[in-house]
């Protein structure tokens, strides 16, 4: 949100304060205005398992998605493994 010196308001979506100022430049110099609700980049949640964290780093996928797929694959592998855990 940008409050201009004359009291008008403008809203923009931007990655950071500098991008917001550049976008707002279409109307006026936003460096002279009051900027609010500027949020820093949120820290990404990490996956629950080491395998998940590795996949997340390689793919840039969200933790919730990686956790779901790791759980699905682990469940399928466990269903296919012998009950005793050892083949003879």
PDB file of N, CA and C in Angstrom:
ATOM      1  N   UNK A   1       0.843  -1.165   0.000  1.00  0.00           N
ATOM      2  CA  UNK A   1       0.000   0.000   0.000  1.00  0.00           C
ATOM      3  C   UNK A   1       0.894   1.235   0.000  1.00  0.00           C
ATOM      4  N   UNK A   2       0.545   2.157  -0.821  1.00  0.00           N
ATOM      5  CA  UNK A   2       1.283   3.413  -0.908  1.00  0.00           C
ATOM      6  C   UNK A   2       0.335   4.557  -0.588  1.00  0.00           C
ATOM      7  N   UNK A   3       0.684   5.344   0.434  1.00  0.00           N
ATOM      8  CA  UNK A   3      -0.098   6.545   0.755  1.00  0.00           C
ATOM      9  C   UNK A   3       0.689   7.733   0.223  1.00  0.00           C
ATOM     10  N   UNK A   4       0.109   8.359  -0.786  1.00  0.00           N
ATOM     11  CA  UNK A   4       0.750   9.502  -1.433  1.00  0.00           C
ATOM     12  C   UNK A   4       0.656  10.727  -0.529  1.00  0.00           C
ATOM     13  N   UNK A   5       1.533  11.719  -0.719  1.00  0.00           N
ATOM     14  CA  UNK A   5       1.503  12.929   0.123  1.00  0.00           C
ATOM     15  C   UNK A   5       0.146  13.636   0.134  1.00  0.00           C
ATOM     16  N   UNK A   6      -0.639  13.511  -0.940  1.00  0.00           N
ATOM     17  CA  UNK A   6      -1.955  14.162  -0.972  1.00  0.00           C
ATOM     18  C   UNK A   6      -3.048  13.327  -0.306  1.00  0.00           C
ATOM     19  N   UNK A   7      -2.673  12.140   0.254  1.00  0.00           N
ATOM     20  CA  UNK A   7      -3.627  11.287   0.949  1.00  0.00           C
ATOM     21  C   UNK A   7      -4.210  10.166   0.118  1.00  0.00           C
ATOM     22  N   UNK A   8      -3.990  10.174  -1.193  1.00  0.00           N
ATOM     23  CA  UNK A   8      -4.484   9.091  -2.044  1.00  0.00           C
ATOM     24  C   UNK A   8      -3.761   7.784  -1.703  1.00  0.00           C
ATOM     25  N   UNK A   9      -4.423   6.671  -2.022  1.00  0.00           N
ATOM     26  CA  UNK A   9      -3.842   5.351  -1.794  1.00  0.00           C
ATOM     27  C   UNK A   9      -3.695   4.604  -3.110  1.00  0.00           C
ATOM     28  N   UNK A  10      -2.623   3.844  -3.214  1.00  0.00           N
ATOM     29  CA  UNK A  10      -2.419   2.933  -4.347  1.00  0.00           C
ATOM     30  C   UNK A  10      -1.982   1.595  -3.786  1.00  0.00           C
ATOM     31  N   UNK A  11      -2.404   0.521  -4.437  1.00  0.00           N
ATOM     32  CA  UNK A  11      -2.011  -0.821  -4.035  1.00  0.00           C
ATOM     33  C   UNK A  11      -1.315  -1.507  -5.196  1.00  0.00           C
ATOM     34  N   UNK A  12      -0.195  -2.135  -4.922  1.00  0.00           N
ATOM     35  CA  UNK A  12       0.527  -2.895  -5.935  1.00  0.00           C
ATOM     36  C   UNK A  12       0.998  -4.207  -5.323  1.00  0.00           C
ATOM     37  N   UNK A  13       1.240  -5.154  -6.178  1.00  0.00           N
ATOM     38  CA  UNK A  13       1.832  -6.415  -5.762  1.00  0.00           C
ATOM     39  C   UNK A  13       3.247  -6.434  -6.319  1.00  0.00           C
ATOM     40  N   UNK A  14       4.211  -6.620  -5.427  1.00  0.00           N
ATOM     41  CA  UNK A  14       5.613  -6.603  -5.851  1.00  0.00           C
ATOM     42  C   UNK A  14       6.412  -7.542  -4.968  1.00  0.00           C
ATOM     43  N   UNK A  15       7.553  -7.988  -5.494  1.00  0.00           N
ATOM     44  CA  UNK A  15       8.405  -8.905  -4.737  1.00  0.00           C
ATOM     45  C   UNK A  15       9.103  -8.225  -3.572  1.00  0.00           C
ATOM     46  N   UNK A  16       9.388  -6.931  -3.705  1.00  0.00           N
ATOM     47  CA  UNK A  16      10.091  -6.208  -2.653  1.00  0.00           C
ATOM     48  C   UNK A  16       9.789  -4.722  -2.779  1.00  0.00           C
ATOM     49  N   UNK A  17      10.327  -3.947  -1.852  1.00  0.00           N
ATOM     50  CA  UNK A  17      10.049  -2.513  -1.810  1.00  0.00           C
ATOM     51  C   UNK A  17      10.533  -1.811  -3.086  1.00  0.00           C
ATOM     52  N   UNK A  18      11.711  -2.183  -3.577  1.00  0.00           N
ATOM     53  CA  UNK A  18      12.244  -1.550  -4.776  1.00  0.00           C
ATOM     54  C   UNK A  18      11.337  -1.789  -5.979  1.00  0.00           C
ATOM     55  N   UNK A  19      10.844  -3.020  -6.130  1.00  0.00           N
ATOM     56  CA  UNK A  19       9.927  -3.322  -7.235  1.00  0.00           C
ATOM     57  C   UNK A  19       8.625  -2.533  -7.105  1.00  0.00           C
ATOM     58  N   UNK A  20       8.160  -2.364  -5.859  1.00  0.00           N
ATOM     59  CA  UNK A  20       6.940  -1.582  -5.641  1.00  0.00           C
ATOM     60  C   UNK A  20       7.153  -0.132  -6.054  1.00  0.00           C
ATOM     61  N   UNK A  21       8.295   0.440  -5.697  1.00  0.00           N
ATOM     62  CA  UNK A  21       8.595   1.827  -6.051  1.00  0.00           C
ATOM     63  C   UNK A  21       8.662   1.994  -7.564  1.00  0.00           C
ATOM     64  N   UNK A  22       9.277   1.030  -8.233  1.00  0.00           N
ATOM     65  CA  UNK A  22       9.376   1.086  -9.693  1.00  0.00           C
ATOM     66  C   UNK A  22       7.994   0.989 -10.326  1.00  0.00           C
ATOM     67  N   UNK A  23       7.157   0.087  -9.823  1.00  0.00           N
ATOM     68  CA  UNK A  23       5.798  -0.058 -10.351  1.00  0.00           C
ATOM     69  C   UNK A  23       4.983   1.213 -10.113  1.00  0.00           C
ATOM     70  N   UNK A  24       5.112   1.783  -8.932  1.00  0.00           N
ATOM     71  CA  UNK A  24       4.357   2.984  -8.583  1.00  0.00           C
ATOM     72  C   UNK A  24       4.840   4.223  -9.334  1.00  0.00           C
ATOM     73  N   UNK A  25       6.027   4.164  -9.898  1.00  0.00           N
ATOM     74  CA  UNK A  25       6.577   5.300 -10.637  1.00  0.00           C
ATOM     75  C   UNK A  25       5.698   5.698 -11.822  1.00  0.00           C
ATOM     76  N   UNK A  26       4.841   4.771 -12.253  1.00  0.00           N
ATOM     77  CA  UNK A  26       3.907   5.085 -13.334  1.00  0.00           C
ATOM     78  C   UNK A  26       3.011   6.272 -12.951  1.00  0.00           C
ATOM     79  N   UNK A  27       2.736   6.427 -11.647  1.00  0.00           N
ATOM     80  CA  UNK A  27       1.880   7.504 -11.168  1.00  0.00           C
ATOM     81  C   UNK A  27       2.673   8.693 -10.639  1.00  0.00           C
ATOM     82  N   UNK A  28       3.732   8.411  -9.859  1.00  0.00           N
ATOM     83  CA  UNK A  28       4.543   9.477  -9.271  1.00  0.00           C
ATOM     84  C   UNK A  28       5.753   8.833  -8.591  1.00  0.00           C
ATOM     85  N   UNK A  29       6.605   9.654  -8.015  1.00  0.00           N
ATOM     86  CA  UNK A  29       7.780   9.154  -7.320  1.00  0.00           C
ATOM     87  C   UNK A  29       7.369   8.614  -5.955  1.00  0.00           C
ATOM     88  N   UNK A  30       7.358   7.309  -5.813  1.00  0.00           N
ATOM     89  CA  UNK A  30       6.893   6.671  -4.580  1.00  0.00           C
ATOM     90  C   UNK A  30       7.903   6.796  -3.447  1.00  0.00           C
ATOM     91  N   UNK A  31       9.118   7.217  -3.742  1.00  0.00           N
ATOM     92  CA  UNK A  31      10.087   7.428  -2.665  1.00  0.00           C
ATOM     93  C   UNK A  31       9.650   8.589  -1.770  1.00  0.00           C
ATOM     94  N   UNK A  32       8.766   9.430  -2.277  1.00  0.00           N
ATOM     95  CA  UNK A  32       8.244  10.557  -1.498  1.00  0.00           C
ATOM     96  C   UNK A  32       6.984  10.174  -0.733  1.00  0.00           C
ATOM     97  N   UNK A  33       6.519   8.942  -0.927  1.00  0.00           N
ATOM     98  CA  UNK A  33       5.274   8.475  -0.315  1.00  0.00           C
ATOM     99  C   UNK A  33       5.570   7.505   0.831  1.00  0.00           C
ATOM    100  N   UNK A  34       4.512   7.198   1.584  1.00  0.00           N
ATOM    101  CA  UNK A  34       4.613   6.241   2.684  1.00  0.00           C
ATOM    102  C   UNK A  34       4.233   4.852   2.166  1.00  0.00           C
ATOM    103  N   UNK A  35       5.134   3.896   2.303  1.00  0.00           N
ATOM    104  CA  UNK A  35       4.865   2.519   1.864  1.00  0.00           C
ATOM    105  C   UNK A  35       4.637   1.650   3.095  1.00  0.00           C
ATOM    106  N   UNK A  36       3.571   0.826   3.068  1.00  0.00           N
ATOM    107  CA  UNK A  36       3.219  -0.070   4.178  1.00  0.00           C
ATOM    108  C   UNK A  36       2.988  -1.472   3.646  1.00  0.00           C
ATOM    109  N   UNK A  37       2.823  -2.457   4.615  1.00  0.00           N
ATOM    110  CA  UNK A  37       2.558  -3.859   4.307  1.00  0.00           C
ATOM    111  C   UNK A  37       3.637  -4.456   3.428  1.00  0.00           C
ATOM    112  N   UNK A  38       4.849  -3.892   3.551  1.00  0.00           N
ATOM    113  CA  UNK A  38       5.986  -4.447   2.822  1.00  0.00           C
ATOM    114  C   UNK A  38       6.484  -5.633   3.633  1.00  0.00           C
ATOM    115  N   UNK A  39       6.445  -6.783   3.039  1.00  0.00           N
ATOM    116  CA  UNK A  39       6.839  -8.015   3.728  1.00  0.00           C
ATOM    117  C   UNK A  39       8.081  -8.579   3.083  1.00  0.00           C
ATOM    118  N   UNK A  40       8.941  -9.097   3.911  1.00  0.00           N
ATOM    119  CA  UNK A  40      10.114  -9.772   3.394  1.00  0.00           C
ATOM    120  C   UNK A  40       9.732 -11.139   2.876  1.00  0.00           C
ATOM    121  N   UNK A  41      10.629 -11.736   2.184  1.00  0.00           N
ATOM    122  CA  UNK A  41      10.386 -13.077   1.657  1.00  0.00           C
ATOM    123  C   UNK A  41      10.263 -14.048   2.818  1.00  0.00           C
ATOM    124  N   UNK A  42       9.208 -14.851   2.785  1.00  0.00           N
ATOM    125  CA  UNK A  42       9.013 -15.844   3.828  1.00  0.00           C
ATOM    126  C   UNK A  42      10.033 -16.960   3.666  1.00  0.00           C
ATOM    127  N   UNK A  43      10.430 -17.516   4.783  1.00  0.00           N
ATOM    128  CA  UNK A  43      11.353 -18.635   4.760  1.00  0.00           C
ATOM    129  C   UNK A  43      10.569 -19.896   4.404  1.00  0.00           C
ATOM    130  N   UNK A  44      11.061 -20.631   3.448  1.00  0.00           N
ATOM    131  CA  UNK A  44      10.375 -21.841   3.001  1.00  0.00           C
ATOM    132  C   UNK A  44      10.398 -22.906   4.091  1.00  0.00           C
ATOM    133  N   UNK A  45       9.286 -23.604   4.248  1.00  0.00           N
ATOM    134  CA  UNK A  45       9.206 -24.720   5.192  1.00  0.00           C
ATOM    135  C   UNK A  45       9.993 -25.882   4.611  1.00  0.00           C
ATOM    136  N   UNK A  46      10.736 -26.569   5.460  1.00  0.00           N
ATOM    137  CA  UNK A  46      11.514 -27.711   4.996  1.00  0.00           C
ATOM    138  C   UNK A  46      10.699 -28.992   5.088  1.00  0.00           C
ATOM    139  N   UNK A  47      10.966 -29.909   4.177  1.00  0.00           N
ATOM    140  CA  UNK A  47      10.320 -31.220   4.179  1.00  0.00           C
ATOM    141  C   UNK A  47      10.670 -31.964   5.465  1.00  0.00           C
ATOM    142  N   UNK A  48       9.884 -32.989   5.791  1.00  0.00           N
ATOM    143  CA  UNK A  48      10.044 -33.711   7.057  1.00  0.00           C
ATOM    144  C   UNK A  48      11.227 -34.672   7.075  1.00  0.00           C
ATOM    145  N   UNK A  49      11.596 -35.233   5.935  1.00  0.00           N
ATOM    146  CA  UNK A  49      12.660 -36.238   5.895  1.00  0.00           C
ATOM    147  C   UNK A  49      13.872 -35.706   5.139  1.00  0.00           C
ATOM    148  N   UNK A  50      15.016 -36.352   5.340  1.00  0.00           N
ATOM    149  CA  UNK A  50      16.233 -35.951   4.620  1.00  0.00           C
ATOM    150  C   UNK A  50      16.068 -36.152   3.121  1.00  0.00           C
ATOM    151  N   UNK A  51      15.429 -37.258   2.737  1.00  0.00           N
ATOM    152  CA  UNK A  51      15.163 -37.489   1.312  1.00  0.00           C
ATOM    153  C   UNK A  51      14.268 -36.382   0.768  1.00  0.00           C
ATOM    154  N   UNK A  52      13.258 -36.033   1.526  1.00  0.00           N
ATOM    155  CA  UNK A  52      12.350 -34.964   1.119  1.00  0.00           C
ATOM    156  C   UNK A  52      13.068 -33.630   0.989  1.00  0.00           C
ATOM    157  N   UNK A  53      13.962 -33.331   1.922  1.00  0.00           N
ATOM    158  CA  UNK A  53      14.718 -32.076   1.866  1.00  0.00           C
ATOM    159  C   UNK A  53      15.608 -32.035   0.629  1.00  0.00           C
ATOM    160  N   UNK A  54      16.196 -33.189   0.306  1.00  0.00           N
ATOM    161  CA  UNK A  54      17.036 -33.262  -0.882  1.00  0.00           C
ATOM    162  C   UNK A  54      16.214 -33.022  -2.149  1.00  0.00           C
ATOM    163  N   UNK A  55      15.067 -33.687  -2.238  1.00  0.00           N
ATOM    164  CA  UNK A  55      14.182 -33.491  -3.388  1.00  0.00           C
ATOM    165  C   UNK A  55      13.695 -32.048  -3.475  1.00  0.00           C
ATOM    166  N   UNK A  56      13.361 -31.495  -2.343  1.00  0.00           N
ATOM    167  CA  UNK A  56      12.873 -30.121  -2.301  1.00  0.00           C
ATOM    168  C   UNK A  56      13.940 -29.156  -2.822  1.00  0.00           C
ATOM    169  N   UNK A  57      15.173 -29.380  -2.427  1.00  0.00           N
ATOM    170  CA  UNK A  57      16.259 -28.529  -2.901  1.00  0.00           C
ATOM    171  C   UNK A  57      16.486 -28.650  -4.393  1.00  0.00           C
ATOM    172  N   UNK A  58      16.349 -29.857  -4.931  1.00  0.00           N
ATOM    173  CA  UNK A  58      16.566 -30.087  -6.366  1.00  0.00           C
ATOM    174  C   UNK A  58      15.418 -29.555  -7.205  1.00  0.00           C
ATOM    175  N   UNK A  59      14.203 -29.691  -6.700  1.00  0.00           N
ATOM    176  CA  UNK A  59      13.020 -29.356  -7.496  1.00  0.00           C
ATOM    177  C   UNK A  59      12.421 -27.987  -7.178  1.00  0.00           C
ATOM    178  N   UNK A  60      12.735 -27.442  -6.012  1.00  0.00           N
ATOM    179  CA  UNK A  60      12.124 -26.194  -5.602  1.00  0.00           C
ATOM    180  C   UNK A  60      10.644 -26.344  -5.287  1.00  0.00           C
ATOM    181  N   UNK A  61      10.249 -27.551  -4.903  1.00  0.00           N
ATOM    182  CA  UNK A  61       8.841 -27.850  -4.620  1.00  0.00           C
ATOM    183  C   UNK A  61       8.505 -27.512  -3.165  1.00  0.00           C
ATOM    184  N   UNK A  62       7.227 -27.233  -2.877  1.00  0.00           N
ATOM    185  CA  UNK A  62       6.833 -26.955  -1.496  1.00  0.00           C
ATOM    186  C   UNK A  62       6.921 -28.205  -0.619  1.00  0.00           C
ATOM    187  N   UNK A  63       7.173 -27.986   0.661  1.00  0.00           N
ATOM    188  CA  UNK A  63       7.328 -29.094   1.611  1.00  0.00           C
ATOM    189  C   UNK A  63       6.100 -30.001   1.642  1.00  0.00           C
ATOM    190  N   UNK A  64       4.906 -29.431   1.598  1.00  0.00           N
ATOM    191  CA  UNK A  64       3.684 -30.238   1.671  1.00  0.00           C
ATOM    192  C   UNK A  64       3.609 -31.233   0.519  1.00  0.00           C
ATOM    193  N   UNK A  65       3.989 -30.799  -0.670  1.00  0.00           N
ATOM    194  CA  UNK A  65       3.951 -31.680  -1.842  1.00  0.00           C
ATOM    195  C   UNK A  65       5.009 -32.771  -1.734  1.00  0.00           C
ATOM    196  N   UNK A  66       6.216 -32.388  -1.367  1.00  0.00           N
ATOM    197  CA  UNK A  66       7.304 -33.365  -1.236  1.00  0.00           C
ATOM    198  C   UNK A  66       6.967 -34.386  -0.159  1.00  0.00           C
ATOM    199  N   UNK A  67       6.458 -33.930   0.985  1.00  0.00           N
ATOM    200  CA  UNK A  67       6.094 -34.857   2.071  1.00  0.00           C
ATOM    201  C   UNK A  67       5.054 -35.860   1.603  1.00  0.00           C
ATOM    202  N   UNK A  68       4.068 -35.408   0.838  1.00  0.00           N
ATOM    203  CA  UNK A  68       3.017 -36.299   0.350  1.00  0.00           C
ATOM    204  C   UNK A  68       3.601 -37.389  -0.540  1.00  0.00           C
ATOM    205  N   UNK A  69       4.462 -36.995  -1.499  1.00  0.00           N
ATOM    206  CA  UNK A  69       5.019 -37.976  -2.427  1.00  0.00           C
ATOM    207  C   UNK A  69       5.983 -38.943  -1.746  1.00  0.00           C
ATOM    208  N   UNK A  70       6.787 -38.435  -0.824  1.00  0.00           N
ATOM    209  CA  UNK A  70       7.703 -39.329  -0.098  1.00  0.00           C
ATOM    210  C   UNK A  70       6.899 -40.356   0.693  1.00  0.00           C
ATOM    211  N   UNK A  71       5.825 -39.918   1.333  1.00  0.00           N
ATOM    212  CA  UNK A  71       4.979 -40.842   2.100  1.00  0.00           C
ATOM    213  C   UNK A  71       4.327 -41.879   1.192  1.00  0.00           C
ATOM    214  N   UNK A  72       3.810 -41.440   0.021  1.00  0.00           N
ATOM    215  CA  UNK A  72       3.180 -42.369  -0.919  1.00  0.00           C
ATOM    216  C   UNK A  72       4.163 -43.423  -1.406  1.00  0.00           C
ATOM    217  N   UNK A  73       5.357 -42.993  -1.791  1.00  0.00           N
ATOM    218  CA  UNK A  73       6.359 -43.934  -2.304  1.00  0.00           C
ATOM    219  C   UNK A  73       6.805 -44.885  -1.199  1.00  0.00           C
ATOM    220  N   UNK A  74       7.018 -44.374   0.008  1.00  0.00           N
ATOM    221  CA  UNK A  74       7.425 -45.233   1.118  1.00  0.00           C
ATOM    222  C   UNK A  74       6.346 -46.267   1.433  1.00  0.00           C
ATOM    223  N   UNK A  75       5.087 -45.863   1.394  1.00  0.00           N
ATOM    224  CA  UNK A  75       3.982 -46.786   1.654  1.00  0.00           C
ATOM    225  C   UNK A  75       3.939 -47.883   0.596  1.00  0.00           C
ATOM    226  N   UNK A  76       4.091 -47.508  -0.667  1.00  0.00           N
ATOM    227  CA  UNK A  76       4.102 -48.505  -1.746  1.00  0.00           C
ATOM    228  C   UNK A  76       5.273 -49.471  -1.602  1.00  0.00           C
ATOM    229  N   UNK A  77       6.430 -48.970  -1.253  1.00  0.00           N
ATOM    230  CA  UNK A  77       7.607 -49.839  -1.092  1.00  0.00           C
ATOM    231  C   UNK A  77       7.413 -50.810   0.065  1.00  0.00           C
ATOM    232  N   UNK A  78       6.837 -50.325   1.161  1.00  0.00           N
ATOM    233  CA  UNK A  78       6.605 -51.201   2.307  1.00  0.00           C
ATOM    234  C   UNK A  78       5.580 -52.292   1.989  1.00  0.00           C
ATOM    235  N   UNK A  79       4.578 -51.956   1.186  1.00  0.00           N
ATOM    236  CA  UNK A  79       3.572 -52.964   0.790  1.00  0.00           C
ATOM    237  C   UNK A  79       4.192 -54.045  -0.079  1.00  0.00           C
ATOM    238  N   UNK A  80       5.178 -53.713  -0.868  1.00  0.00           N
ATOM    239  CA  UNK A  80       5.818 -54.673  -1.768  1.00  0.00           C
ATOM    240  C   UNK A  80       6.891 -55.503  -1.093  1.00  0.00           C
ATOM    241  N   UNK A  81       7.366 -55.050   0.059  1.00  0.00           N
ATOM    242  CA  UNK A  81       8.443 -55.794   0.728  1.00  0.00           C
ATOM    243  C   UNK A  81       7.867 -57.010   1.436  1.00  0.00           C
ATOM    244  N   UNK A  82       8.694 -58.063   1.572  1.00  0.00           N
ATOM    245  CA  UNK A  82       8.232 -59.284   2.254  1.00  0.00           C
ATOM    246  C   UNK A  82       7.924 -58.982   3.723  1.00  0.00           C
ATOM    247  N   UNK A  83       6.965 -59.717   4.253  1.00  0.00           N
ATOM    248  CA  UNK A  83       6.526 -59.497   5.637  1.00  0.00           C
ATOM    249  C   UNK A  83       7.650 -59.717   6.643  1.00  0.00           C
ATOM    250  N   UNK A  84       8.524 -60.713   6.386  1.00  0.00           N
ATOM    251  CA  UNK A  84       9.590 -61.006   7.328  1.00  0.00           C
ATOM    252  C   UNK A  84      10.723 -59.983   7.212  1.00  0.00           C
ATOM    253  N   UNK A  85      10.738 -59.247   6.130  1.00  0.00           N
ATOM    254  CA  UNK A  85      11.775 -58.260   5.938  1.00  0.00           C
ATOM    255  C   UNK A  85      13.037 -58.823   5.335  1.00  0.00           C
ATOM    256  N   UNK A  86      13.054 -60.166   5.082  1.00  0.00           N
ATOM    257  CA  UNK A  86      14.272 -60.790   4.560  1.00  0.00           C
ATOM    258  C   UNK A  86      13.898 -61.940   3.635  1.00  0.00           C
ATOM    259  N   UNK A  87      14.467 -61.938   2.431  1.00  0.00           N
ATOM    260  CA  UNK A  87      14.231 -63.049   1.498  1.00  0.00           C
ATOM    261  C   UNK A  87      15.231 -64.165   1.767  1.00  0.00           C
ATOM    262  N   UNK A  88      14.790 -65.392   1.527  1.00  0.00           N
ATOM    263  CA  UNK A  88      15.701 -66.523   1.724  1.00  0.00           C
ATOM    264  C   UNK A  88      15.990 -67.205   0.415  1.00  0.00           C
TER     265      UNK A  88
END
